[in-house]
Amino acid sequence: MTDDTTMEPPSYRAGDAPITAFMTDQPVLVSASTTLREVAAALDDTSTGLVVVGSLAAVEGVVSERDIVRAVATNVDLDATTAADIETKDLFWATEDSTVGTVVEEMMEDYVRHILI
C-alpha cells in the first residue's frame, strides 16, 4: 500500500499543462458600486492583481492593479469613483480544458495580462 501524501504532482511539458493548475478557485469578487479605495484594499488584502466585478454567475468586468495605478496617476477621486467606472468589459476567457500553451499564445497575440476561466 502506498502513502498518497508522498505522491509527486503530475509532470507536464510546459505548454501542455492544464491552465486549471494555475487558476485560483477563489476569485476576488466586488460589486459594481465598490469604490476604488475599497477595490485597492481588496487587492492588497488578498495579495492578488485582479478583482472580478459582479458575481461568478454574471461577470460584468474586471479591475486590475494597473487600473488602480492609472486612476491614482490621473488624480481620480478613489472614494467617489466605482469599479463600474473603470472596469474592463472586454474580457478574455479560456476553458477549463485549455492548456498553458494555448492561453499564453492568446495572451501574447492580444496583449492581455489576465484571462478568466
Protein backbone atom coordinates (compact mmCIF):
# COMPACT_ATOMS: atom_id res chain seq x y z
CA MET A 1 0.00 0.00 0.00
CA THR A 2 1.36 3.44 -0.89
CA ASP A 3 1.16 6.63 1.10
CA ASP A 4 -0.78 9.13 -1.08
CA THR A 5 0.75 12.09 0.76
CA THR A 6 4.16 11.34 -0.75
CA MET A 7 2.97 11.22 -4.33
CA GLU A 8 4.54 13.81 -6.59
CA PRO A 9 2.32 16.08 -8.69
CA PRO A 10 1.95 15.15 -12.35
CA SER A 11 4.72 16.29 -14.63
CA TYR A 12 3.84 18.20 -17.80
CA ARG A 13 5.74 19.68 -20.66
CA ALA A 14 5.45 23.44 -20.09
CA GLY A 15 2.88 24.22 -22.78
CA ASP A 16 0.82 21.08 -22.22
CA ALA A 17 -0.02 21.75 -18.57
CA PRO A 18 -3.71 22.38 -17.96
CA ILE A 19 -4.48 26.02 -17.25
CA THR A 20 -6.54 24.88 -14.26
CA ALA A 21 -3.28 24.03 -12.47
CA PHE A 22 -2.59 27.78 -12.29
CA MET A 23 -6.03 29.22 -11.60
CA THR A 24 -7.43 30.25 -8.28
CA ASP A 25 -10.57 28.59 -7.03
CA GLN A 26 -11.49 31.69 -5.04
CA PRO A 27 -11.56 34.76 -7.31
CA VAL A 28 -11.95 38.09 -5.55
CA LEU A 29 -15.42 39.49 -6.28
CA VAL A 30 -16.64 43.06 -5.85
CA SER A 31 -19.86 44.79 -6.77
CA ALA A 32 -20.02 47.47 -9.45
CA SER A 33 -20.61 50.09 -6.73
CA THR A 34 -17.41 49.27 -4.83
CA THR A 35 -15.19 52.35 -4.58
CA LEU A 36 -11.68 52.27 -5.99
CA ARG A 37 -10.27 52.66 -2.49
CA GLU A 38 -12.18 49.53 -1.47
CA VAL A 39 -11.00 47.71 -4.63
CA ALA A 40 -7.40 48.64 -3.79
CA ALA A 41 -7.89 47.35 -0.25
CA ALA A 42 -9.34 44.07 -1.58
CA LEU A 43 -6.35 43.65 -3.91
CA ASP A 44 -3.98 44.29 -1.01
CA ASP A 45 -5.84 42.09 1.50
CA THR A 46 -5.88 39.13 -0.86
CA SER A 47 -2.45 39.65 -2.44
CA THR A 48 -3.93 39.42 -5.89
CA GLY A 49 -3.68 41.54 -9.02
CA LEU A 50 -7.27 41.43 -10.25
CA VAL A 51 -10.82 41.60 -8.95
CA VAL A 52 -13.90 40.40 -10.77
CA VAL A 53 -16.78 42.86 -10.86
CA GLY A 54 -20.14 41.14 -10.44
CA SER A 55 -20.63 37.52 -9.47
CA LEU A 56 -19.38 34.15 -10.65
CA ALA A 57 -22.69 33.69 -12.45
CA ALA A 58 -22.66 37.18 -14.01
CA VAL A 59 -19.22 38.68 -14.55
CA GLU A 60 -19.57 42.35 -15.52
CA GLY A 61 -15.89 43.18 -15.85
CA VAL A 62 -12.54 43.22 -14.08
CA VAL A 63 -10.37 45.80 -12.34
CA SER A 64 -6.62 45.22 -12.15
CA GLU A 65 -3.81 46.72 -10.11
CA ARG A 66 -2.78 48.56 -13.25
CA ASP A 67 -6.26 50.13 -13.48
CA ILE A 68 -5.91 51.38 -9.91
CA VAL A 69 -2.44 52.81 -10.61
CA ARG A 70 -3.80 54.59 -13.69
CA ALA A 71 -6.63 56.06 -11.60
CA VAL A 72 -4.21 57.29 -8.94
CA ALA A 73 -1.87 58.76 -11.57
CA THR A 74 -4.74 60.76 -13.10
CA ASN A 75 -5.94 62.05 -9.71
CA VAL A 76 -9.26 60.21 -9.77
CA ASP A 77 -11.20 60.50 -6.51
CA LEU A 78 -10.79 57.00 -5.07
CA ASP A 79 -13.77 57.43 -2.77
CA ALA A 80 -16.20 58.68 -5.41
CA THR A 81 -15.17 56.53 -8.38
CA THR A 82 -16.51 52.98 -8.53
CA ALA A 83 -15.35 49.72 -10.03
CA ALA A 84 -18.04 50.16 -12.71
CA ASP A 85 -16.48 53.48 -13.73
CA ILE A 86 -13.13 51.94 -14.68
CA GLU A 87 -13.75 48.22 -15.15
CA THR A 88 -12.56 46.45 -18.27
CA LYS A 89 -15.52 44.86 -20.00
CA ASP A 90 -13.66 43.42 -22.98
CA LEU A 91 -12.81 40.13 -21.27
CA PHE A 92 -10.77 37.20 -22.47
CA TRP A 93 -11.83 33.72 -21.48
CA ALA A 94 -10.25 30.27 -21.53
CA THR A 95 -11.99 26.96 -20.94
CA GLU A 96 -11.05 24.51 -18.23
CA ASP A 97 -9.56 22.18 -20.85
CA SER A 98 -7.25 24.89 -22.25
CA THR A 99 -3.53 24.33 -21.93
CA VAL A 100 -0.97 26.83 -20.70
CA GLY A 101 0.47 26.96 -24.22
CA THR A 102 -2.78 27.93 -25.90
CA VAL A 103 -3.61 30.51 -23.24
CA VAL A 104 -0.14 32.07 -23.42
CA GLU A 105 -0.42 32.30 -27.22
CA GLU A 106 -3.76 34.10 -26.95
CA MET A 107 -2.45 36.44 -24.26
CA MET A 108 0.56 37.38 -26.37
CA GLU A 109 -1.48 37.81 -29.56
CA ASP A 110 -3.96 40.14 -27.90
CA TYR A 111 -1.58 41.81 -25.40
CA VAL A 112 -3.68 40.60 -22.47
CA ARG A 113 -2.42 40.26 -18.91
CA HIS A 114 -5.40 38.42 -17.37
CA ILE A 115 -7.66 35.67 -18.66
CA LEU A 116 -10.74 34.35 -16.91
CA ILE A 117 -11.51 30.64 -16.84
